[in-house]
């Protein structure tokens, strides 16, 4: 199944070069999204580790820090 593109208001099938570029972009975009998600998870784990060491819940920390 060929991928479609809208070129100046006209829907058409992508050329082989366009399809290759789109697939490469898709791989990069998925890798970037995974890296962002992994970073957010790491920050959450680090935050929870600090709270655990302090013996505070997230709600208690929020009350203390405003």
PDB file of N, CA and C in Angstrom:
ATOM      1  N   UNK A   1       0.844  -1.174   0.000  1.00  0.00           N
ATOM      2  CA  UNK A   1       0.000   0.000   0.000  1.00  0.00           C
ATOM      3  C   UNK A   1       0.891   1.239   0.000  1.00  0.00           C
ATOM      4  N   UNK A   2       0.678   2.076  -0.962  1.00  0.00           N
ATOM      5  CA  UNK A   2       1.474   3.295  -1.089  1.00  0.00           C
ATOM      6  C   UNK A   2       0.963   4.356  -0.125  1.00  0.00           C
ATOM      7  N   UNK A   3       1.893   5.131   0.377  1.00  0.00           N
ATOM      8  CA  UNK A   3       1.533   6.224   1.274  1.00  0.00           C
ATOM      9  C   UNK A   3       1.034   7.403   0.443  1.00  0.00           C
ATOM     10  N   UNK A   4       0.128   8.158   1.011  1.00  0.00           N
ATOM     11  CA  UNK A   4      -0.440   9.322   0.327  1.00  0.00           C
ATOM     12  C   UNK A   4       0.172  10.598   0.889  1.00  0.00           C
ATOM     13  N   UNK A   5       0.192  11.629   0.074  1.00  0.00           N
ATOM     14  CA  UNK A   5       0.678  12.947   0.475  1.00  0.00           C
ATOM     15  C   UNK A   5      -0.266  13.986  -0.131  1.00  0.00           C
ATOM     16  N   UNK A   6      -0.398  15.109   0.551  1.00  0.00           N
ATOM     17  CA  UNK A   6      -1.181  16.213   0.002  1.00  0.00           C
ATOM     18  C   UNK A   6      -0.183  17.249  -0.480  1.00  0.00           C
ATOM     19  N   UNK A   7      -0.144  17.439  -1.769  1.00  0.00           N
ATOM     20  CA  UNK A   7       0.816  18.334  -2.402  1.00  0.00           C
ATOM     21  C   UNK A   7       0.054  19.514  -2.996  1.00  0.00           C
ATOM     22  N   UNK A   8       0.074  20.645  -2.272  1.00  0.00           N
ATOM     23  CA  UNK A   8      -0.628  21.847  -2.723  1.00  0.00           C
ATOM     24  C   UNK A   8      -2.107  21.581  -3.007  1.00  0.00           C
ATOM     25  N   UNK A   9      -2.743  20.862  -2.103  1.00  0.00           N
ATOM     26  CA  UNK A   9      -4.173  20.607  -2.214  1.00  0.00           C
ATOM     27  C   UNK A   9      -4.544  19.401  -3.061  1.00  0.00           C
ATOM     28  N   UNK A  10      -3.571  18.726  -3.590  1.00  0.00           N
ATOM     29  CA  UNK A  10      -3.829  17.552  -4.428  1.00  0.00           C
ATOM     30  C   UNK A  10      -3.307  16.319  -3.703  1.00  0.00           C
ATOM     31  N   UNK A  11      -4.201  15.357  -3.426  1.00  0.00           N
ATOM     32  CA  UNK A  11      -3.791  14.102  -2.819  1.00  0.00           C
ATOM     33  C   UNK A  11      -3.190  13.210  -3.891  1.00  0.00           C
ATOM     34  N   UNK A  12      -2.006  12.669  -3.589  1.00  0.00           N
ATOM     35  CA  UNK A  12      -1.338  11.768  -4.527  1.00  0.00           C
ATOM     36  C   UNK A  12      -0.498  10.773  -3.748  1.00  0.00           C
ATOM     37  N   UNK A  13      -0.058   9.728  -4.419  1.00  0.00           N
ATOM     38  CA  UNK A  13       0.827   8.760  -3.796  1.00  0.00           C
ATOM     39  C   UNK A  13       2.225   9.357  -3.719  1.00  0.00           C
ATOM     40  N   UNK A  14       2.939   9.023  -2.639  1.00  0.00           N
ATOM     41  CA  UNK A  14       4.313   9.494  -2.484  1.00  0.00           C
ATOM     42  C   UNK A  14       5.210   8.819  -3.504  1.00  0.00           C
ATOM     43  N   UNK A  15       6.232   9.567  -3.909  1.00  0.00           N
ATOM     44  CA  UNK A  15       7.256   8.955  -4.751  1.00  0.00           C
ATOM     45  C   UNK A  15       8.095   8.043  -3.864  1.00  0.00           C
ATOM     46  N   UNK A  16       8.927   7.232  -4.474  1.00  0.00           N
ATOM     47  CA  UNK A  16       9.786   6.324  -3.706  1.00  0.00           C
ATOM     48  C   UNK A  16      10.704   7.120  -2.780  1.00  0.00           C
ATOM     49  N   UNK A  17      11.251   8.226  -3.267  1.00  0.00           N
ATOM     50  CA  UNK A  17      12.133   9.056  -2.432  1.00  0.00           C
ATOM     51  C   UNK A  17      11.363   9.667  -1.267  1.00  0.00           C
ATOM     52  N   UNK A  18      10.150  10.162  -1.512  1.00  0.00           N
ATOM     53  CA  UNK A  18       9.339  10.749  -0.446  1.00  0.00           C
ATOM     54  C   UNK A  18       8.973   9.700   0.599  1.00  0.00           C
ATOM     55  N   UNK A  19       8.638   8.515   0.133  1.00  0.00           N
ATOM     56  CA  UNK A  19       8.270   7.438   1.053  1.00  0.00           C
ATOM     57  C   UNK A  19       9.466   7.032   1.916  1.00  0.00           C
ATOM     58  N   UNK A  20      10.650   6.958   1.315  1.00  0.00           N
ATOM     59  CA  UNK A  20      11.865   6.623   2.060  1.00  0.00           C
ATOM     60  C   UNK A  20      12.147   7.697   3.112  1.00  0.00           C
ATOM     61  N   UNK A  21      12.020   8.967   2.732  1.00  0.00           N
ATOM     62  CA  UNK A  21      12.258  10.068   3.665  1.00  0.00           C
ATOM     63  C   UNK A  21      11.235  10.045   4.798  1.00  0.00           C
ATOM     64  N   UNK A  22       9.984   9.748   4.465  1.00  0.00           N
ATOM     65  CA  UNK A  22       8.930   9.697   5.476  1.00  0.00           C
ATOM     66  C   UNK A  22       9.194   8.567   6.472  1.00  0.00           C
ATOM     67  N   UNK A  23       9.580   7.412   5.980  1.00  0.00           N
ATOM     68  CA  UNK A  23       9.870   6.285   6.867  1.00  0.00           C
ATOM     69  C   UNK A  23      11.057   6.592   7.772  1.00  0.00           C
ATOM     70  N   UNK A  24      12.084   7.246   7.232  1.00  0.00           N
ATOM     71  CA  UNK A  24      13.242   7.616   8.051  1.00  0.00           C
ATOM     72  C   UNK A  24      12.820   8.615   9.128  1.00  0.00           C
ATOM     73  N   UNK A  25      12.014   9.609   8.751  1.00  0.00           N
ATOM     74  CA  UNK A  25      11.516  10.593   9.716  1.00  0.00           C
ATOM     75  C   UNK A  25      10.694   9.895  10.794  1.00  0.00           C
ATOM     76  N   UNK A  26       9.871   8.942  10.415  1.00  0.00           N
ATOM     77  CA  UNK A  26       9.018   8.224  11.363  1.00  0.00           C
ATOM     78  C   UNK A  26       9.850   7.487  12.411  1.00  0.00           C
ATOM     79  N   UNK A  27      10.922   6.848  11.984  1.00  0.00           N
ATOM     80  CA  UNK A  27      11.810   6.127  12.913  1.00  0.00           C
ATOM     81  C   UNK A  27      12.439   7.111  13.893  1.00  0.00           C
ATOM     82  N   UNK A  28      12.902   8.252  13.384  1.00  0.00           N
ATOM     83  CA  UNK A  28      13.527   9.268  14.239  1.00  0.00           C
ATOM     84  C   UNK A  28      12.503   9.834  15.221  1.00  0.00           C
ATOM     85  N   UNK A  29      11.296  10.138  14.743  1.00  0.00           N
ATOM     86  CA  UNK A  29      10.260  10.704  15.606  1.00  0.00           C
ATOM     87  C   UNK A  29       9.872   9.733  16.719  1.00  0.00           C
ATOM     88  N   UNK A  30       9.770   8.455  16.405  1.00  0.00           N
ATOM     89  CA  UNK A  30       9.434   7.457  17.420  1.00  0.00           C
ATOM     90  C   UNK A  30      10.559   7.328  18.448  1.00  0.00           C
ATOM     91  N   UNK A  31      11.801   7.380  17.999  1.00  0.00           N
ATOM     92  CA  UNK A  31      12.942   7.289  18.921  1.00  0.00           C
ATOM     93  C   UNK A  31      12.976   8.507  19.844  1.00  0.00           C
ATOM     94  N   UNK A  32      12.695   9.694  19.290  1.00  0.00           N
ATOM     95  CA  UNK A  32      12.671  10.908  20.108  1.00  0.00           C
ATOM     96  C   UNK A  32      11.549  10.853  21.137  1.00  0.00           C
ATOM     97  N   UNK A  33      10.380  10.382  20.734  1.00  0.00           N
ATOM     98  CA  UNK A  33       9.251  10.274  21.663  1.00  0.00           C
ATOM     99  C   UNK A  33       9.567   9.291  22.785  1.00  0.00           C
ATOM    100  N   UNK A  34      10.218   8.188  22.445  1.00  0.00           N
ATOM    101  CA  UNK A  34      10.592   7.208  23.472  1.00  0.00           C
ATOM    102  C   UNK A  34      11.620   7.797  24.428  1.00  0.00           C
ATOM    103  N   UNK A  35      12.579   8.552  23.903  1.00  0.00           N
ATOM    104  CA  UNK A  35      13.598   9.176  24.756  1.00  0.00           C
ATOM    105  C   UNK A  35      12.960  10.168  25.722  1.00  0.00           C
ATOM    106  N   UNK A  36      12.001  10.947  25.248  1.00  0.00           N
ATOM    107  CA  UNK A  36      11.303  11.904  26.110  1.00  0.00           C
ATOM    108  C   UNK A  36      10.530  11.170  27.190  1.00  0.00           C
ATOM    109  N   UNK A  37       9.830  10.122  26.811  1.00  0.00           N
ATOM    110  CA  UNK A  37       9.057   9.346  27.789  1.00  0.00           C
ATOM    111  C   UNK A  37       9.977   8.697  28.820  1.00  0.00           C
ATOM    112  N   UNK A  38      11.102   8.153  28.370  1.00  0.00           N
ATOM    113  CA  UNK A  38      12.061   7.538  29.288  1.00  0.00           C
ATOM    114  C   UNK A  38      12.622   8.571  30.265  1.00  0.00           C
ATOM    115  N   UNK A  39      12.897   9.775  29.764  1.00  0.00           N
ATOM    116  CA  UNK A  39      13.413  10.849  30.613  1.00  0.00           C
ATOM    117  C   UNK A  39      12.393  11.254  31.675  1.00  0.00           C
ATOM    118  N   UNK A  40      11.130  11.348  31.277  1.00  0.00           N
ATOM    119  CA  UNK A  40      10.081  11.694  32.234  1.00  0.00           C
ATOM    120  C   UNK A  40       9.937  10.622  33.311  1.00  0.00           C
ATOM    121  N   UNK A  41      10.015   9.370  32.919  1.00  0.00           N
ATOM    122  CA  UNK A  41       9.926   8.271  33.881  1.00  0.00           C
ATOM    123  C   UNK A  41      11.105   8.323  34.851  1.00  0.00           C
ATOM    124  N   UNK A  42      12.301   8.581  34.330  1.00  0.00           N
ATOM    125  CA  UNK A  42      13.490   8.670  35.186  1.00  0.00           C
ATOM    126  C   UNK A  42      13.349   9.805  36.197  1.00  0.00           C
ATOM    127  N   UNK A  43      12.811  10.954  35.759  1.00  0.00           N
ATOM    128  CA  UNK A  43      12.600  12.079  36.674  1.00  0.00           C
ATOM    129  C   UNK A  43      11.581  11.721  37.755  1.00  0.00           C
ATOM    130  N   UNK A  44      10.512  11.021  37.368  1.00  0.00           N
ATOM    131  CA  UNK A  44       9.501  10.614  38.351  1.00  0.00           C
ATOM    132  C   UNK A  44      10.095   9.651  39.376  1.00  0.00           C
ATOM    133  N   UNK A  45      10.913   8.729  38.911  1.00  0.00           N
ATOM    134  CA  UNK A  45      11.545   7.766  39.819  1.00  0.00           C
ATOM    135  C   UNK A  45      12.497   8.492  40.767  1.00  0.00           C
ATOM    136  N   UNK A  46      13.288   9.433  40.233  1.00  0.00           N
ATOM    137  CA  UNK A  46      14.226  10.181  41.075  1.00  0.00           C
ATOM    138  C   UNK A  46      13.468  10.997  42.116  1.00  0.00           C
ATOM    139  N   UNK A  47      12.374  11.635  41.707  1.00  0.00           N
ATOM    140  CA  UNK A  47      11.563  12.435  42.625  1.00  0.00           C
ATOM    141  C   UNK A  47      10.982  11.552  43.732  1.00  0.00           C
ATOM    142  N   UNK A  48      10.487  10.394  43.340  1.00  0.00           N
ATOM    143  CA  UNK A  48       9.895   9.488  44.333  1.00  0.00           C
ATOM    144  C   UNK A  48      10.959   8.939  45.276  1.00  0.00           C
ATOM    145  N   UNK A  49      12.154   8.701  44.765  1.00  0.00           N
ATOM    146  CA  UNK A  49      13.252   8.226  45.603  1.00  0.00           C
ATOM    147  C   UNK A  49      13.585   9.245  46.690  1.00  0.00           C
ATOM    148  N   UNK A  50      13.642  10.522  46.308  1.00  0.00           N
ATOM    149  CA  UNK A  50      13.918  11.583  47.284  1.00  0.00           C
ATOM    150  C   UNK A  50      12.798  11.647  48.318  1.00  0.00           C
ATOM    151  N   UNK A  51      11.559  11.584  47.860  1.00  0.00           N
ATOM    152  CA  UNK A  51      10.425  11.626  48.790  1.00  0.00           C
ATOM    153  C   UNK A  51      10.468  10.443  49.756  1.00  0.00           C
ATOM    154  N   UNK A  52      10.810   9.270  49.237  1.00  0.00           N
ATOM    155  CA  UNK A  52      10.898   8.078  50.088  1.00  0.00           C
ATOM    156  C   UNK A  52      11.988   8.245  51.145  1.00  0.00           C
ATOM    157  N   UNK A  53      13.137   8.810  50.751  1.00  0.00           N
ATOM    158  CA  UNK A  53      14.231   9.019  51.702  1.00  0.00           C
ATOM    159  C   UNK A  53      13.831  10.016  52.788  1.00  0.00           C
ATOM    160  N   UNK A  54      13.027  11.011  52.398  1.00  0.00           N
ATOM    161  CA  UNK A  54      12.568  12.004  53.366  1.00  0.00           C
ATOM    162  C   UNK A  54      11.357  11.525  54.166  1.00  0.00           C
ATOM    163  N   UNK A  55      10.768  10.440  53.753  1.00  0.00           N
ATOM    164  CA  UNK A  55       9.597   9.910  54.433  1.00  0.00           C
ATOM    165  C   UNK A  55       8.356  10.755  54.200  1.00  0.00           C
ATOM    166  N   UNK A  56       8.270  11.368  53.019  1.00  0.00           N
ATOM    167  CA  UNK A  56       7.133  12.224  52.687  1.00  0.00           C
ATOM    168  C   UNK A  56       6.337  11.631  51.535  1.00  0.00           C
ATOM    169  N   UNK A  57       5.049  11.918  51.550  1.00  0.00           N
ATOM    170  CA  UNK A  57       4.229  11.570  50.391  1.00  0.00           C
ATOM    171  C   UNK A  57       4.289  12.747  49.415  1.00  0.00           C
ATOM    172  N   UNK A  58       3.844  12.542  48.210  1.00  0.00           N
ATOM    173  CA  UNK A  58       3.821  13.615  47.224  1.00  0.00           C
ATOM    174  C   UNK A  58       2.927  14.757  47.701  1.00  0.00           C
ATOM    175  N   UNK A  59       1.812  14.428  48.322  1.00  0.00           N
ATOM    176  CA  UNK A  59       0.906  15.455  48.837  1.00  0.00           C
ATOM    177  C   UNK A  59       1.560  16.273  49.947  1.00  0.00           C
ATOM    178  N   UNK A  60       2.292  15.603  50.831  1.00  0.00           N
ATOM    179  CA  UNK A  60       2.972  16.311  51.908  1.00  0.00           C
ATOM    180  C   UNK A  60       4.055  17.242  51.359  1.00  0.00           C
ATOM    181  N   UNK A  61       4.785  16.778  50.387  1.00  0.00           N
ATOM    182  CA  UNK A  61       5.828  17.611  49.771  1.00  0.00           C
ATOM    183  C   UNK A  61       5.200  18.831  49.093  1.00  0.00           C
ATOM    184  N   UNK A  62       4.075  18.619  48.449  1.00  0.00           N
ATOM    185  CA  UNK A  62       3.380  19.729  47.778  1.00  0.00           C
ATOM    186  C   UNK A  62       2.926  20.765  48.811  1.00  0.00           C
ATOM    187  N   UNK A  63       2.430  20.307  49.938  1.00  0.00           N
ATOM    188  CA  UNK A  63       2.007  21.227  50.990  1.00  0.00           C
ATOM    189  C   UNK A  63       3.194  22.007  51.536  1.00  0.00           C
ATOM    190  N   UNK A  64       4.338  21.368  51.699  1.00  0.00           N
ATOM    191  CA  UNK A  64       5.525  22.036  52.226  1.00  0.00           C
ATOM    192  C   UNK A  64       6.107  23.054  51.233  1.00  0.00           C
ATOM    193  N   UNK A  65       6.087  22.686  49.977  1.00  0.00           N
ATOM    194  CA  UNK A  65       6.727  23.523  48.959  1.00  0.00           C
ATOM    195  C   UNK A  65       5.780  24.528  48.308  1.00  0.00           C
ATOM    196  N   UNK A  66       4.496  24.335  48.554  1.00  0.00           N
ATOM    197  CA  UNK A  66       3.510  25.290  48.026  1.00  0.00           C
ATOM    198  C   UNK A  66       3.105  25.018  46.676  1.00  0.00           C
TER     199      UNK A  66
END
